[in-house]
Amino acid sequence: MIRKLLELGHAIALLPAISLFIGATFLGLYGVYILLETLYGVIFKPEIRDPAVLSTKFISVMDIHLLSIILYIFSVGLYELFVGKLNVPEWLRITDIDQLKAKLASVVILILAITFTKKLVEWKNPVDTLLFALAIAVIIAVLIFYYKVKEE
């Protein structure tokens, strides 16, 4: 009885895979909404035409879409690891949990770079910006070091 239950346990991973896919879809749509709202503002609201405001808005759109893609990758990864194979491009195939973590780490690095760029464009306090950059650099260095050591 317990063995049967545990063997059916792979279906448990279906719930997170589906919820991540729903989240990815929602964020993708939200990113489109923010983009359309920004374009509307550029056309009808002159104060939004300021390059600093515009660049912050567009960087936010990129950030939202990137997070959407992360959720999608995790959705596919969980499904492939625990439920069954999918017809996806080769670069998206996940065969073990380390591949999934590596994909997450690379996207986290990209999100951190985008987040820093957004903070740099806003440029309110140079010391805070420097400390933020140092914190991001440490996180990126640790992730890179971890995967270099893991490869060896």
N, C-alpha and C. Protein backbone atom coordinates (compact mmCIF):
# COMPACT_ATOMS: atom_id res chain seq x y z
N MET A 1 0.82 -1.20 0.00
CA MET A 1 0.00 0.00 0.00
C MET A 1 0.86 1.26 0.00
N ILE A 2 1.82 1.33 0.94
CA ILE A 2 2.69 2.50 1.01
C ILE A 2 3.57 2.57 -0.23
N ARG A 3 4.03 1.42 -0.70
CA ARG A 3 4.86 1.39 -1.90
C ARG A 3 4.10 1.96 -3.09
N LYS A 4 2.85 1.54 -3.26
CA LYS A 4 2.01 2.06 -4.35
C LYS A 4 1.84 3.57 -4.23
N LEU A 5 1.61 4.00 -2.99
CA LEU A 5 1.42 5.42 -2.74
C LEU A 5 2.69 6.21 -3.09
N LEU A 6 3.84 5.69 -2.69
CA LEU A 6 5.10 6.36 -3.00
C LEU A 6 5.39 6.36 -4.50
N GLU A 7 5.03 5.26 -5.17
CA GLU A 7 5.25 5.20 -6.62
C GLU A 7 4.37 6.20 -7.35
N LEU A 8 3.21 6.49 -6.80
CA LEU A 8 2.33 7.50 -7.39
C LEU A 8 2.73 8.91 -6.97
N GLY A 9 3.71 8.99 -6.10
CA GLY A 9 4.15 10.28 -5.57
C GLY A 9 4.64 11.24 -6.63
N HIS A 10 5.06 10.72 -7.79
CA HIS A 10 5.52 11.62 -8.84
C HIS A 10 4.42 12.60 -9.26
N ALA A 11 3.18 12.21 -9.01
CA ALA A 11 2.07 13.11 -9.33
C ALA A 11 2.07 14.34 -8.43
N ILE A 12 2.74 14.24 -7.27
CA ILE A 12 2.85 15.40 -6.38
C ILE A 12 3.59 16.53 -7.08
N ALA A 13 4.57 16.19 -7.91
CA ALA A 13 5.34 17.21 -8.62
C ALA A 13 4.51 17.89 -9.70
N LEU A 14 3.40 17.28 -10.06
CA LEU A 14 2.53 17.87 -11.08
C LEU A 14 1.93 19.19 -10.58
N LEU A 15 1.57 19.24 -9.32
CA LEU A 15 0.97 20.47 -8.77
C LEU A 15 1.93 21.66 -8.83
N PRO A 16 3.18 21.53 -8.35
CA PRO A 16 4.10 22.67 -8.49
C PRO A 16 4.39 23.01 -9.96
N ALA A 17 4.50 22.00 -10.81
CA ALA A 17 4.77 22.27 -12.22
C ALA A 17 3.64 23.08 -12.85
N ILE A 18 2.42 22.71 -12.55
CA ILE A 18 1.27 23.43 -13.09
C ILE A 18 1.18 24.83 -12.49
N SER A 19 1.39 24.94 -11.18
CA SER A 19 1.29 26.27 -10.56
C SER A 19 2.40 27.20 -11.06
N LEU A 20 3.60 26.67 -11.29
CA LEU A 20 4.67 27.49 -11.85
C LEU A 20 4.33 27.93 -13.27
N PHE A 21 3.72 27.04 -14.04
CA PHE A 21 3.32 27.38 -15.41
C PHE A 21 2.26 28.48 -15.39
N ILE A 22 1.30 28.38 -14.47
CA ILE A 22 0.27 29.41 -14.35
C ILE A 22 0.91 30.75 -13.95
N GLY A 23 1.86 30.68 -13.01
CA GLY A 23 2.58 31.89 -12.60
C GLY A 23 3.36 32.50 -13.75
N ALA A 24 4.01 31.65 -14.55
CA ALA A 24 4.77 32.14 -15.71
C ALA A 24 3.85 32.82 -16.71
N THR A 25 2.69 32.23 -16.94
CA THR A 25 1.73 32.81 -17.87
C THR A 25 1.23 34.16 -17.34
N PHE A 26 0.88 34.20 -16.06
CA PHE A 26 0.41 35.45 -15.46
C PHE A 26 1.47 36.54 -15.57
N LEU A 27 2.72 36.22 -15.21
CA LEU A 27 3.78 37.23 -15.27
C LEU A 27 4.03 37.69 -16.70
N GLY A 28 3.95 36.76 -17.66
CA GLY A 28 4.11 37.15 -19.07
C GLY A 28 3.04 38.15 -19.49
N LEU A 29 1.80 37.87 -19.11
CA LEU A 29 0.70 38.78 -19.43
C LEU A 29 0.86 40.12 -18.69
N TYR A 30 1.31 40.05 -17.44
CA TYR A 30 1.53 41.27 -16.67
C TYR A 30 2.63 42.13 -17.31
N GLY A 31 3.69 41.48 -17.80
CA GLY A 31 4.76 42.20 -18.49
C GLY A 31 4.24 42.90 -19.74
N VAL A 32 3.37 42.23 -20.47
CA VAL A 32 2.77 42.84 -21.67
C VAL A 32 1.91 44.04 -21.24
N TYR A 33 1.16 43.88 -20.16
CA TYR A 33 0.33 44.98 -19.65
C TYR A 33 1.20 46.21 -19.30
N ILE A 34 2.28 45.98 -18.57
CA ILE A 34 3.17 47.09 -18.18
C ILE A 34 3.77 47.75 -19.43
N LEU A 35 4.14 46.95 -20.41
CA LEU A 35 4.69 47.49 -21.65
C LEU A 35 3.66 48.36 -22.36
N LEU A 36 2.43 47.85 -22.50
CA LEU A 36 1.38 48.62 -23.17
C LEU A 36 1.05 49.89 -22.39
N GLU A 37 1.03 49.79 -21.06
CA GLU A 37 0.79 50.96 -20.22
C GLU A 37 1.89 52.01 -20.43
N THR A 38 3.12 51.55 -20.54
CA THR A 38 4.25 52.46 -20.77
C THR A 38 4.14 53.12 -22.14
N LEU A 39 3.82 52.33 -23.16
CA LEU A 39 3.68 52.89 -24.51
C LEU A 39 2.53 53.90 -24.55
N TYR A 40 1.44 53.60 -23.88
CA TYR A 40 0.32 54.53 -23.79
C TYR A 40 0.77 55.83 -23.13
N GLY A 41 1.53 55.70 -22.05
CA GLY A 41 2.04 56.87 -21.35
C GLY A 41 2.97 57.71 -22.21
N VAL A 42 3.79 57.06 -23.01
CA VAL A 42 4.71 57.79 -23.89
C VAL A 42 3.92 58.62 -24.91
N ILE A 43 2.82 58.06 -25.38
CA ILE A 43 2.03 58.76 -26.39
C ILE A 43 1.22 59.90 -25.78
N PHE A 44 0.61 59.67 -24.62
CA PHE A 44 -0.36 60.63 -24.08
C PHE A 44 0.10 61.41 -22.85
N LYS A 45 1.22 61.05 -22.25
CA LYS A 45 1.68 61.74 -21.05
C LYS A 45 3.13 62.20 -21.24
N PRO A 46 3.35 63.47 -21.50
CA PRO A 46 4.70 63.96 -21.78
C PRO A 46 5.71 63.72 -20.65
N GLU A 47 5.25 63.72 -19.39
CA GLU A 47 6.20 63.55 -18.28
C GLU A 47 6.85 62.16 -18.27
N ILE A 48 6.21 61.20 -18.91
CA ILE A 48 6.77 59.84 -18.94
C ILE A 48 7.86 59.73 -20.01
N ARG A 49 7.97 60.70 -20.89
CA ARG A 49 8.96 60.64 -21.97
C ARG A 49 10.39 60.88 -21.49
N ASP A 50 10.55 61.15 -20.23
CA ASP A 50 11.89 61.33 -19.65
C ASP A 50 12.67 60.03 -19.81
N PRO A 51 13.86 60.08 -20.41
CA PRO A 51 14.63 58.86 -20.65
C PRO A 51 14.89 58.02 -19.40
N ALA A 52 15.12 58.66 -18.25
CA ALA A 52 15.37 57.90 -17.02
C ALA A 52 14.12 57.13 -16.60
N VAL A 53 12.96 57.76 -16.72
CA VAL A 53 11.71 57.09 -16.36
C VAL A 53 11.43 55.95 -17.34
N LEU A 54 11.62 56.24 -18.63
CA LEU A 54 11.38 55.22 -19.66
C LEU A 54 12.31 54.03 -19.50
N SER A 55 13.58 54.29 -19.28
CA SER A 55 14.51 53.17 -19.16
C SER A 55 14.17 52.32 -17.94
N THR A 56 13.76 52.95 -16.84
CA THR A 56 13.36 52.19 -15.66
C THR A 56 12.15 51.33 -15.96
N LYS A 57 11.18 51.89 -16.67
CA LYS A 57 9.97 51.12 -17.02
C LYS A 57 10.33 49.92 -17.91
N PHE A 58 11.16 50.16 -18.93
CA PHE A 58 11.50 49.06 -19.84
C PHE A 58 12.37 48.01 -19.16
N ILE A 59 13.23 48.43 -18.25
CA ILE A 59 14.02 47.46 -17.50
C ILE A 59 13.10 46.63 -16.61
N SER A 60 12.08 47.26 -16.04
CA SER A 60 11.10 46.52 -15.23
C SER A 60 10.37 45.49 -16.08
N VAL A 61 10.02 45.86 -17.30
CA VAL A 61 9.35 44.91 -18.21
C VAL A 61 10.27 43.72 -18.48
N MET A 62 11.55 43.99 -18.74
CA MET A 62 12.50 42.89 -18.97
C MET A 62 12.60 42.00 -17.74
N ASP A 63 12.64 42.60 -16.58
CA ASP A 63 12.73 41.87 -15.32
C ASP A 63 11.52 40.95 -15.14
N ILE A 64 10.34 41.47 -15.39
CA ILE A 64 9.11 40.68 -15.25
C ILE A 64 9.11 39.52 -16.23
N HIS A 65 9.48 39.78 -17.48
CA HIS A 65 9.50 38.71 -18.47
C HIS A 65 10.56 37.66 -18.15
N LEU A 66 11.69 38.10 -17.64
CA LEU A 66 12.73 37.15 -17.27
C LEU A 66 12.25 36.26 -16.13
N LEU A 67 11.60 36.82 -15.16
CA LEU A 67 11.05 36.02 -14.07
C LEU A 67 10.00 35.03 -14.60
N SER A 68 9.22 35.47 -15.56
CA SER A 68 8.24 34.58 -16.19
C SER A 68 8.94 33.38 -16.84
N ILE A 69 10.04 33.65 -17.51
CA ILE A 69 10.80 32.57 -18.16
C ILE A 69 11.40 31.62 -17.13
N ILE A 70 11.86 32.16 -16.01
CA ILE A 70 12.40 31.31 -14.94
C ILE A 70 11.33 30.35 -14.45
N LEU A 71 10.15 30.90 -14.20
CA LEU A 71 9.05 30.04 -13.73
C LEU A 71 8.72 28.96 -14.76
N TYR A 72 8.75 29.34 -16.03
CA TYR A 72 8.48 28.36 -17.08
C TYR A 72 9.55 27.26 -17.10
N ILE A 73 10.81 27.66 -17.02
CA ILE A 73 11.91 26.68 -17.02
C ILE A 73 11.77 25.73 -15.84
N PHE A 74 11.44 26.27 -14.66
CA PHE A 74 11.26 25.41 -13.50
C PHE A 74 10.06 24.51 -13.65
N SER A 75 9.01 25.02 -14.25
CA SER A 75 7.82 24.20 -14.49
C SER A 75 8.17 23.01 -15.38
N VAL A 76 8.86 23.28 -16.47
CA VAL A 76 9.28 22.22 -17.38
C VAL A 76 10.25 21.26 -16.68
N GLY A 77 11.20 21.83 -15.92
CA GLY A 77 12.18 21.01 -15.24
C GLY A 77 11.56 20.06 -14.23
N LEU A 78 10.66 20.58 -13.41
CA LEU A 78 10.00 19.71 -12.43
C LEU A 78 9.18 18.62 -13.11
N TYR A 79 8.49 19.00 -14.17
CA TYR A 79 7.68 18.01 -14.88
C TYR A 79 8.57 16.91 -15.46
N GLU A 80 9.67 17.32 -16.12
CA GLU A 80 10.55 16.33 -16.74
C GLU A 80 11.26 15.45 -15.70
N LEU A 81 11.61 16.02 -14.57
CA LEU A 81 12.31 15.23 -13.56
C LEU A 81 11.40 14.23 -12.86
N PHE A 82 10.16 14.61 -12.61
CA PHE A 82 9.32 13.78 -11.76
C PHE A 82 8.09 13.17 -12.43
N VAL A 83 7.63 13.74 -13.54
CA VAL A 83 6.39 13.26 -14.13
C VAL A 83 6.64 12.52 -15.44
N GLY A 84 7.22 13.18 -16.41
CA GLY A 84 7.45 12.53 -17.70
C GLY A 84 8.16 13.47 -18.66
N LYS A 85 8.55 12.95 -19.80
CA LYS A 85 9.29 13.72 -20.80
C LYS A 85 8.34 14.64 -21.56
N LEU A 86 8.88 15.78 -21.99
CA LEU A 86 8.14 16.75 -22.78
C LEU A 86 8.85 16.97 -24.11
N ASN A 87 8.11 17.43 -25.09
CA ASN A 87 8.70 17.76 -26.38
C ASN A 87 9.16 19.22 -26.34
N VAL A 88 10.37 19.44 -25.82
CA VAL A 88 10.93 20.78 -25.68
C VAL A 88 12.29 20.83 -26.37
N PRO A 89 12.79 22.03 -26.67
CA PRO A 89 14.12 22.13 -27.28
C PRO A 89 15.19 21.48 -26.39
N GLU A 90 16.26 21.06 -27.01
CA GLU A 90 17.33 20.35 -26.29
C GLU A 90 17.89 21.17 -25.12
N TRP A 91 18.05 22.47 -25.30
CA TRP A 91 18.62 23.30 -24.23
C TRP A 91 17.71 23.37 -23.01
N LEU A 92 16.44 23.02 -23.18
CA LEU A 92 15.49 23.09 -22.08
C LEU A 92 15.27 21.74 -21.41
N ARG A 93 15.86 20.69 -21.96
CA ARG A 93 15.71 19.36 -21.35
C ARG A 93 16.46 19.31 -20.02
N ILE A 94 15.79 18.80 -19.03
CA ILE A 94 16.36 18.68 -17.69
C ILE A 94 16.42 17.19 -17.35
N THR A 95 17.63 16.70 -17.06
CA THR A 95 17.77 15.28 -16.74
C THR A 95 18.12 15.03 -15.27
N ASP A 96 18.60 16.09 -14.59
CA ASP A 96 18.86 15.94 -13.15
C ASP A 96 18.70 17.28 -12.45
N ILE A 97 18.63 17.22 -11.15
CA ILE A 97 18.35 18.41 -10.35
C ILE A 97 19.47 19.44 -10.46
N ASP A 98 20.71 18.99 -10.68
CA ASP A 98 21.83 19.92 -10.82
C ASP A 98 21.68 20.80 -12.06
N GLN A 99 21.15 20.23 -13.15
CA GLN A 99 20.91 21.02 -14.35
C GLN A 99 19.88 22.12 -14.06
N LEU A 100 18.85 21.76 -13.32
CA LEU A 100 17.82 22.72 -12.97
C LEU A 100 18.40 23.85 -12.12
N LYS A 101 19.24 23.48 -11.15
CA LYS A 101 19.87 24.49 -10.29
C LYS A 101 20.81 25.37 -11.09
N ALA A 102 21.54 24.80 -12.05
CA ALA A 102 22.46 25.58 -12.87
C ALA A 102 21.70 26.59 -13.73
N LYS A 103 20.58 26.15 -14.29
CA LYS A 103 19.78 27.08 -15.09
C LYS A 103 19.25 28.21 -14.21
N LEU A 104 18.84 27.86 -13.00
CA LEU A 104 18.35 28.88 -12.07
C LEU A 104 19.46 29.87 -11.74
N ALA A 105 20.65 29.36 -11.44
CA ALA A 105 21.77 30.23 -11.07
C ALA A 105 22.11 31.20 -12.20
N SER A 106 22.11 30.71 -13.44
CA SER A 106 22.45 31.60 -14.55
C SER A 106 21.40 32.68 -14.74
N VAL A 107 20.15 32.33 -14.54
CA VAL A 107 19.10 33.33 -14.69
C VAL A 107 19.08 34.29 -13.51
N VAL A 108 19.40 33.80 -12.31
CA VAL A 108 19.50 34.68 -11.15
C VAL A 108 20.58 35.74 -11.39
N ILE A 109 21.69 35.33 -11.96
CA ILE A 109 22.77 36.27 -12.27
C ILE A 109 22.26 37.34 -13.23
N LEU A 110 21.52 36.93 -14.23
CA LEU A 110 20.97 37.89 -15.19
C LEU A 110 19.98 38.83 -14.52
N ILE A 111 19.12 38.31 -13.66
CA ILE A 111 18.16 39.16 -12.95
C ILE A 111 18.89 40.16 -12.05
N LEU A 112 19.93 39.71 -11.39
CA LEU A 112 20.71 40.62 -10.54
C LEU A 112 21.33 41.74 -11.38
N ALA A 113 21.83 41.39 -12.55
CA ALA A 113 22.41 42.41 -13.43
C ALA A 113 21.35 43.42 -13.87
N ILE A 114 20.17 42.93 -14.20
CA ILE A 114 19.08 43.83 -14.60
C ILE A 114 18.65 44.70 -13.43
N THR A 115 18.55 44.11 -12.25
CA THR A 115 18.17 44.87 -11.05
C THR A 115 19.19 45.96 -10.75
N PHE A 116 20.47 45.62 -10.90
CA PHE A 116 21.49 46.64 -10.67
C PHE A 116 21.40 47.75 -11.72
N THR A 117 21.16 47.38 -12.96
CA THR A 117 21.04 48.39 -14.01
C THR A 117 19.90 49.34 -13.71
N LYS A 118 18.79 48.79 -13.22
CA LYS A 118 17.65 49.63 -12.85
C LYS A 118 18.02 50.60 -11.72
N LYS A 119 18.74 50.10 -10.73
CA LYS A 119 19.17 50.95 -9.61
C LYS A 119 20.16 52.00 -10.10
N LEU A 120 21.02 51.63 -11.03
CA LEU A 120 22.01 52.56 -11.57
C LEU A 120 21.32 53.68 -12.34
N VAL A 121 20.29 53.35 -13.09
CA VAL A 121 19.55 54.36 -13.85
C VAL A 121 18.85 55.33 -12.90
N GLU A 122 18.31 54.82 -11.80
CA GLU A 122 17.62 55.69 -10.83
C GLU A 122 18.62 56.60 -10.10
N TRP A 123 19.81 56.11 -9.81
CA TRP A 123 20.94 56.82 -9.21
C TRP A 123 20.54 57.89 -8.21
N LYS A 124 20.21 57.44 -7.00
CA LYS A 124 19.82 58.39 -5.95
C LYS A 124 20.96 58.62 -4.96
N ASN A 125 21.60 57.55 -4.52
CA ASN A 125 22.63 57.67 -3.51
C ASN A 125 23.84 56.84 -3.96
N PRO A 126 24.94 57.49 -4.30
CA PRO A 126 26.11 56.77 -4.81
C PRO A 126 26.64 55.68 -3.87
N VAL A 127 26.65 55.95 -2.57
CA VAL A 127 27.16 54.97 -1.61
C VAL A 127 26.26 53.73 -1.58
N ASP A 128 24.95 53.95 -1.56
CA ASP A 128 24.01 52.82 -1.59
C ASP A 128 24.17 52.02 -2.87
N THR A 129 24.35 52.73 -3.99
CA THR A 129 24.53 52.05 -5.28
C THR A 129 25.80 51.21 -5.27
N LEU A 130 26.87 51.75 -4.70
CA LEU A 130 28.13 51.00 -4.60
C LEU A 130 27.96 49.77 -3.72
N LEU A 131 27.33 49.91 -2.57
CA LEU A 131 27.11 48.78 -1.68
C LEU A 131 26.21 47.73 -2.33
N PHE A 132 25.21 48.18 -3.05
CA PHE A 132 24.33 47.27 -3.77
C PHE A 132 25.13 46.49 -4.82
N ALA A 133 25.99 47.19 -5.54
CA ALA A 133 26.83 46.55 -6.55
C ALA A 133 27.76 45.53 -5.92
N LEU A 134 28.34 45.86 -4.78
CA LEU A 134 29.23 44.92 -4.09
C LEU A 134 28.47 43.67 -3.63
N ALA A 135 27.27 43.86 -3.11
CA ALA A 135 26.46 42.73 -2.67
C ALA A 135 26.13 41.81 -3.85
N ILE A 136 25.76 42.41 -4.96
CA ILE A 136 25.45 41.62 -6.16
C ILE A 136 26.70 40.90 -6.65
N ALA A 137 27.83 41.58 -6.64
CA ALA A 137 29.09 40.97 -7.09
C ALA A 137 29.44 39.76 -6.23
N VAL A 138 29.23 39.87 -4.92
CA VAL A 138 29.53 38.75 -4.01
C VAL A 138 28.62 37.56 -4.34
N ILE A 139 27.33 37.82 -4.53
CA ILE A 139 26.39 36.73 -4.84
C ILE A 139 26.77 36.06 -6.15
N ILE A 140 27.08 36.86 -7.16
CA ILE A 140 27.47 36.29 -8.47
C ILE A 140 28.76 35.49 -8.34
N ALA A 141 29.73 36.03 -7.61
CA ALA A 141 31.01 35.33 -7.42
C ALA A 141 30.79 33.99 -6.72
N VAL A 142 29.94 33.97 -5.70
CA VAL A 142 29.67 32.72 -4.97
C VAL A 142 29.00 31.71 -5.90
N LEU A 143 28.03 32.14 -6.69
CA LEU A 143 27.36 31.21 -7.61
C LEU A 143 28.34 30.64 -8.64
N ILE A 144 29.16 31.51 -9.20
CA ILE A 144 30.15 31.05 -10.20
C ILE A 144 31.15 30.10 -9.55
N PHE A 145 31.65 30.45 -8.37
CA PHE A 145 32.60 29.60 -7.66
C PHE A 145 31.98 28.23 -7.36
N TYR A 146 30.74 28.24 -6.88
CA TYR A 146 30.05 26.99 -6.55
C TYR A 146 29.98 26.07 -7.76
N TYR A 147 29.59 26.62 -8.90
CA TYR A 147 29.46 25.76 -10.09
C TYR A 147 30.81 25.37 -10.69
N LYS A 148 31.83 26.19 -10.54
CA LYS A 148 33.17 25.81 -10.99
C LYS A 148 33.69 24.65 -10.16
N VAL A 149 33.52 24.73 -8.83
CA VAL A 149 33.96 23.66 -7.93
C VAL A 149 33.15 22.39 -8.20
N LYS A 150 31.87 22.55 -8.43
CA LYS A 150 30.99 21.40 -8.67
C LYS A 150 31.37 20.68 -9.97
N GLU A 151 31.80 21.43 -10.99
CA GLU A 151 32.22 20.83 -12.25
C GLU A 151 33.44 19.94 -12.06
N GLU A 152 34.35 20.37 -11.19
CA GLU A 152 35.58 19.61 -10.96
C GLU A 152 35.27 18.45 -10.06
